[in-house]
Amino acid sequence: MRRISISAAATLLLAVTVVAAPGDAAWAKGTSLYAQALAAPDRSDKDRERDAREHPAEVLAFAGFKPGMRIADLFGGGGYYSEILDHVVGPKGHVLLVNNPPYAAFAKDDLEARFKDGRMPRIERLVAPSEDMKLGTGTLDGALFVMSYHDLYFEHGADFPKIDAAQFLEQVRRALKPGGRLLVVDHAAVADSGSVPAGTLHRIDEEFTVRDIESHGFKLVGRFKGLRNASDDHSKLVFDPAVRGHTDRFVHVYVRR
């Protein structure tokens, strides 16, 4: 079984001391459950390469996602996190990979590769319009936006129509059970820039994010610093070769009030 390195574990412990409020008991027990998920033998080399920059074991441990939970991977694209979560929640849990039509089209090749020949049959895949993601009411124990929350404020004509962010977040709040967890990972923008950089740089202001999500019935309970990068130039597009794959990312965990 692959294990998290000593240096990564040290980073994890530092995050607990510097950032208040870890996820829950899963954090206290360490990241073995999540490391086992990463060690699944049928994961692709592409995903294993991504692990090195995403640190998904630490992030999911911080979120407190655990076996038996029903979790929605919102705008989950090609399903990188959905596959890991399927191993975490196990056969008594359930993972929904949720995309709107533009996201599904963008991730078409990755989706085909991930689910080829019936792989990952437990993952439920939903493609629905942003205004009606068909999440239901009180159906979820957890949800996550990984580098996709900012797209609630992105618009690109017919290719990616404008989303009513407030209405979308209300859908998420309604779908989560009271106390349900929302994990948000996104590219940090220049402070006090609000949602504007989402439309040009695919970044979003961290404190705007907190105010926005908390205004929809959530409470911020923790910030994990393991994906921060002080050398990132927040004025650059996240796809710029100078920063791509190495952006400064904030990680928040919220609970539904």
Protein backbone atom coordinates (compact mmCIF):
# COMPACT_ATOMS: atom_id res chain seq x y z
CA MET A 1 0.00 0.00 0.00
CA ARG A 2 1.27 3.48 -0.83
CA ARG A 3 1.68 5.72 2.19
CA ILE A 4 1.84 9.48 2.67
CA SER A 5 5.43 10.71 3.07
CA ILE A 6 6.80 11.96 6.38
CA SER A 7 7.05 15.47 4.95
CA ALA A 8 3.39 15.42 3.84
CA ALA A 9 2.36 14.18 7.27
CA ALA A 10 4.31 17.04 8.85
CA THR A 11 2.48 19.50 6.61
CA LEU A 12 -0.80 17.94 7.67
CA LEU A 13 0.00 18.34 11.37
CA LEU A 14 1.07 21.94 10.77
CA ALA A 15 -2.27 22.64 9.13
CA VAL A 16 -4.06 21.39 12.23
CA THR A 17 -2.09 23.67 14.53
CA VAL A 18 -2.22 26.74 12.31
CA VAL A 19 -5.77 26.33 11.02
CA ALA A 20 -8.55 25.70 13.50
CA ALA A 21 -11.24 23.07 13.18
CA PRO A 22 -10.27 19.91 11.30
CA GLY A 23 -12.98 17.83 9.69
CA ASP A 24 -13.93 15.28 12.36
CA ALA A 25 -12.77 11.99 13.88
CA ALA A 26 -11.47 10.86 10.49
CA TRP A 27 -8.79 13.54 10.80
CA ALA A 28 -7.73 12.41 14.26
CA LYS A 29 -7.24 8.86 12.98
CA GLY A 30 -4.85 10.10 10.29
CA THR A 31 -5.13 9.70 6.55
CA SER A 32 -4.81 5.91 6.16
CA LEU A 33 -8.34 5.54 4.75
CA TYR A 34 -7.58 8.12 2.08
CA ALA A 35 -4.12 6.75 1.34
CA GLN A 36 -5.71 3.37 0.72
CA ALA A 37 -8.08 5.01 -1.75
CA LEU A 38 -5.14 6.50 -3.63
CA ALA A 39 -3.42 3.10 -3.66
CA ALA A 40 -6.27 1.38 -5.52
CA PRO A 41 -4.48 -0.69 -8.19
CA ASP A 42 -6.69 0.32 -11.13
CA ARG A 43 -6.14 4.08 -10.81
CA SER A 44 -4.56 5.64 -13.89
CA ASP A 45 -1.01 6.96 -14.11
CA LYS A 46 -2.49 10.33 -15.05
CA ASP A 47 -4.42 10.46 -11.78
CA ARG A 48 -1.40 9.35 -9.74
CA GLU A 49 0.63 12.19 -11.28
CA ARG A 50 -2.11 14.63 -10.31
CA ASP A 51 -2.04 13.36 -6.72
CA ALA A 52 1.36 14.98 -6.22
CA ARG A 53 -0.04 18.49 -6.70
CA GLU A 54 -3.57 17.96 -5.33
CA HIS A 55 -2.75 16.15 -2.04
CA PRO A 56 -6.23 14.59 -2.10
CA ALA A 57 -5.64 12.36 0.95
CA GLU A 58 -4.96 15.37 3.16
CA VAL A 59 -7.76 17.43 1.64
CA LEU A 60 -10.41 14.72 2.02
CA ALA A 61 -9.26 13.91 5.54
CA PHE A 62 -9.66 17.58 6.41
CA ALA A 63 -13.15 17.60 4.91
CA GLY A 64 -14.13 14.66 7.10
CA PHE A 65 -15.67 12.61 4.29
CA LYS A 66 -15.92 8.98 5.41
CA PRO A 67 -17.46 5.57 4.64
CA GLY A 68 -21.21 5.41 4.19
CA MET A 69 -21.63 9.05 3.17
CA ARG A 70 -23.59 10.24 0.14
CA ILE A 71 -21.49 12.93 -1.56
CA ALA A 72 -21.92 15.09 -4.67
CA ASP A 73 -18.86 16.07 -6.71
CA LEU A 74 -20.19 19.37 -8.10
CA PHE A 75 -18.93 20.31 -11.56
CA GLY A 76 -16.62 17.34 -11.08
CA GLY A 77 -15.49 17.30 -14.71
CA GLY A 78 -13.72 14.07 -15.57
CA GLY A 79 -14.28 12.54 -12.15
CA TYR A 80 -10.80 12.55 -10.58
CA TYR A 81 -12.19 13.23 -7.11
CA SER A 82 -15.28 11.09 -7.70
CA GLU A 83 -13.14 7.99 -8.20
CA ILE A 84 -11.17 8.62 -5.00
CA LEU A 85 -14.37 9.30 -3.07
CA ASP A 86 -15.94 6.09 -4.35
CA HIS A 87 -13.17 4.19 -2.56
CA VAL A 88 -13.57 6.35 0.56
CA VAL A 89 -17.35 6.04 0.99
CA GLY A 90 -17.36 2.37 0.05
CA PRO A 91 -20.30 0.17 -0.93
CA LYS A 92 -22.57 1.62 1.75
CA GLY A 93 -21.98 5.16 0.52
CA HIS A 94 -22.76 6.84 -2.77
CA VAL A 95 -20.99 9.32 -5.06
CA LEU A 96 -22.75 11.58 -7.55
CA LEU A 97 -20.59 13.09 -10.28
CA VAL A 98 -22.54 16.21 -11.24
CA ASN A 99 -21.85 18.25 -14.39
CA ASN A 100 -23.83 20.75 -16.38
CA PRO A 101 -23.74 20.28 -20.19
CA PRO A 102 -20.72 22.58 -20.77
CA TYR A 103 -18.70 20.78 -18.10
CA ALA A 104 -19.67 17.38 -19.47
CA ALA A 105 -18.65 18.42 -22.99
CA PHE A 106 -15.32 19.84 -21.79
CA ALA A 107 -14.53 16.65 -19.85
CA LYS A 108 -15.85 14.23 -22.50
CA ASP A 109 -12.55 12.44 -23.17
CA ASP A 110 -11.65 12.11 -19.49
CA LEU A 111 -15.12 10.79 -18.67
CA GLU A 112 -14.93 8.20 -21.44
CA ALA A 113 -11.52 7.00 -20.23
CA ARG A 114 -12.55 6.83 -16.57
CA PHE A 115 -15.76 4.88 -17.13
CA LYS A 116 -14.59 2.77 -20.07
CA ASP A 117 -15.76 -0.85 -20.06
CA GLY A 118 -17.96 -0.31 -17.03
CA ARG A 119 -15.31 1.01 -14.64
CA MET A 120 -16.52 2.59 -11.38
CA PRO A 121 -20.11 1.31 -11.68
CA ARG A 122 -21.14 2.65 -8.26
CA ILE A 123 -20.61 6.28 -9.27
CA GLU A 124 -23.83 7.92 -10.39
CA ARG A 125 -23.30 10.41 -13.20
CA LEU A 126 -25.66 13.35 -13.58
CA VAL A 127 -25.67 15.88 -16.42
CA ALA A 128 -28.25 18.56 -15.79
CA PRO A 129 -28.74 22.29 -16.38
CA SER A 130 -27.21 24.53 -13.73
CA GLU A 131 -30.60 25.87 -12.69
CA ASP A 132 -31.88 22.36 -11.88
CA MET A 133 -29.06 20.00 -10.88
CA LYS A 134 -31.59 17.47 -9.55
CA LEU A 135 -29.89 17.16 -6.18
CA GLY A 136 -33.11 16.79 -4.19
CA THR A 137 -33.76 17.87 -0.60
CA GLY A 138 -31.81 16.52 2.36
CA THR A 139 -30.21 13.84 0.21
CA LEU A 140 -26.51 14.56 0.79
CA ASP A 141 -24.04 14.19 3.65
CA GLY A 142 -21.40 16.13 1.76
CA ALA A 143 -20.54 18.00 -1.42
CA LEU A 144 -17.42 19.48 -2.96
CA PHE A 145 -16.37 22.12 -5.45
CA VAL A 146 -12.77 21.50 -6.54
CA MET A 147 -11.49 24.35 -8.73
CA SER A 148 -15.07 24.85 -9.93
CA TYR A 149 -16.81 27.17 -7.46
CA HIS A 150 -15.40 30.15 -9.39
CA ASP A 151 -17.29 28.94 -12.47
CA LEU A 152 -20.52 30.04 -10.83
CA TYR A 153 -19.23 33.51 -11.80
CA PHE A 154 -17.76 32.61 -15.20
CA GLU A 155 -19.57 33.26 -18.45
CA HIS A 156 -18.52 32.59 -22.04
CA GLY A 157 -21.47 33.14 -24.31
CA ALA A 158 -23.34 30.07 -25.54
CA ASP A 159 -20.43 27.81 -24.62
CA PHE A 160 -20.85 28.52 -20.91
CA PRO A 161 -24.01 30.52 -20.18
CA LYS A 162 -24.25 32.73 -17.12
CA ILE A 163 -25.17 30.85 -13.92
CA ASP A 164 -27.38 32.26 -11.19
CA ALA A 165 -24.84 31.66 -8.42
CA ALA A 166 -27.26 32.40 -5.58
CA GLN A 167 -29.84 29.98 -6.94
CA PHE A 168 -27.17 27.30 -7.48
CA LEU A 169 -25.86 27.60 -3.92
CA GLU A 170 -29.42 27.37 -2.64
CA GLN A 171 -29.74 24.08 -4.50
CA VAL A 172 -26.64 22.83 -2.71
CA ARG A 173 -27.83 24.02 0.70
CA ARG A 174 -31.21 22.40 0.18
CA ALA A 175 -29.65 19.09 -0.88
CA LEU A 176 -27.34 18.87 2.12
CA LYS A 177 -28.64 17.54 5.42
CA PRO A 178 -28.21 19.87 8.43
CA GLY A 179 -24.58 19.56 9.46
CA GLY A 180 -23.62 18.32 6.01
CA ARG A 181 -20.15 19.31 4.83
CA LEU A 182 -19.18 21.43 1.82
CA LEU A 183 -15.55 21.31 0.66
CA VAL A 184 -14.33 24.18 -1.53
CA VAL A 185 -10.91 24.22 -3.21
CA ASP A 186 -10.16 27.07 -5.61
CA HIS A 187 -7.50 29.26 -7.18
CA ALA A 188 -6.89 32.37 -5.08
CA ALA A 189 -7.26 35.81 -6.66
CA VAL A 190 -5.94 39.20 -5.59
CA ALA A 191 -7.48 40.22 -2.25
CA ASP A 192 -10.64 42.34 -2.41
CA SER A 193 -11.19 41.53 -6.09
CA GLY A 194 -14.51 39.78 -5.49
CA SER A 195 -15.83 37.54 -8.24
CA VAL A 196 -14.43 39.58 -11.14
CA PRO A 197 -11.29 37.43 -11.71
CA ALA A 198 -13.48 34.37 -12.26
CA GLY A 199 -14.43 35.71 -15.67
CA THR A 200 -10.90 36.44 -16.84
CA LEU A 201 -8.40 34.43 -14.78
CA HIS A 202 -10.45 31.49 -13.43
CA ARG A 203 -9.60 32.70 -9.91
CA ILE A 204 -11.72 34.03 -7.08
CA ASP A 205 -11.13 36.18 -4.02
CA GLU A 206 -10.96 33.99 -0.91
CA GLU A 207 -12.82 36.29 1.46
CA PHE A 208 -15.52 36.95 -1.13
CA THR A 209 -15.95 33.18 -1.25
CA VAL A 210 -16.45 33.00 2.52
CA ARG A 211 -19.03 35.80 2.55
CA ASP A 212 -20.86 34.38 -0.44
CA ILE A 213 -21.15 30.81 0.82
CA GLU A 214 -21.94 31.80 4.40
CA SER A 215 -24.77 34.02 3.10
CA HIS A 216 -26.47 30.86 1.84
CA GLY A 217 -26.82 29.02 5.11
CA PHE A 218 -23.30 27.68 5.64
CA LYS A 219 -20.67 28.27 8.29
CA LEU A 220 -16.92 28.14 7.62
CA VAL A 221 -15.36 25.67 10.08
CA GLY A 222 -11.84 25.19 8.75
CA ARG A 223 -9.11 26.30 6.37
CA PHE A 224 -6.38 23.90 5.27
CA LYS A 225 -3.11 25.53 4.18
CA GLY A 226 -1.50 22.55 2.47
CA LEU A 227 -2.16 23.87 -1.07
CA ARG A 228 -1.03 27.46 -0.51
CA ASN A 229 1.77 28.84 -2.69
CA ALA A 230 3.06 32.28 -1.74
CA SER A 231 5.07 32.55 -4.96
CA ASP A 232 2.00 32.38 -7.21
CA ASP A 233 1.27 35.51 -9.22
CA HIS A 234 -2.43 36.08 -8.55
CA SER A 235 -2.71 38.33 -11.60
CA LYS A 236 -2.04 35.48 -14.03
CA LEU A 237 -4.53 33.21 -15.75
CA VAL A 238 -4.42 29.79 -14.08
CA PHE A 239 -3.61 28.19 -17.45
CA ASP A 240 -0.55 30.41 -17.94
CA PRO A 241 2.48 28.06 -18.19
CA ALA A 242 4.24 30.13 -15.53
CA VAL A 243 1.71 29.07 -12.86
CA ARG A 244 -0.31 26.18 -14.26
CA GLY A 245 -0.41 23.32 -11.79
CA HIS A 246 1.21 25.47 -9.10
CA THR A 247 -1.40 28.09 -8.27
CA ASP A 248 -2.07 29.31 -4.76
CA ARG A 249 -5.21 27.42 -3.70
CA PHE A 250 -7.39 27.89 -0.65
CA VAL A 251 -9.20 24.95 0.93
CA HIS A 252 -12.32 25.60 2.99
CA VAL A 253 -14.72 23.31 4.83
CA TYR A 254 -18.23 24.60 5.56
CA VAL A 255 -21.13 23.00 7.36
CA ARG A 256 -24.76 23.50 6.45
CA ARG A 257 -26.54 25.28 9.28
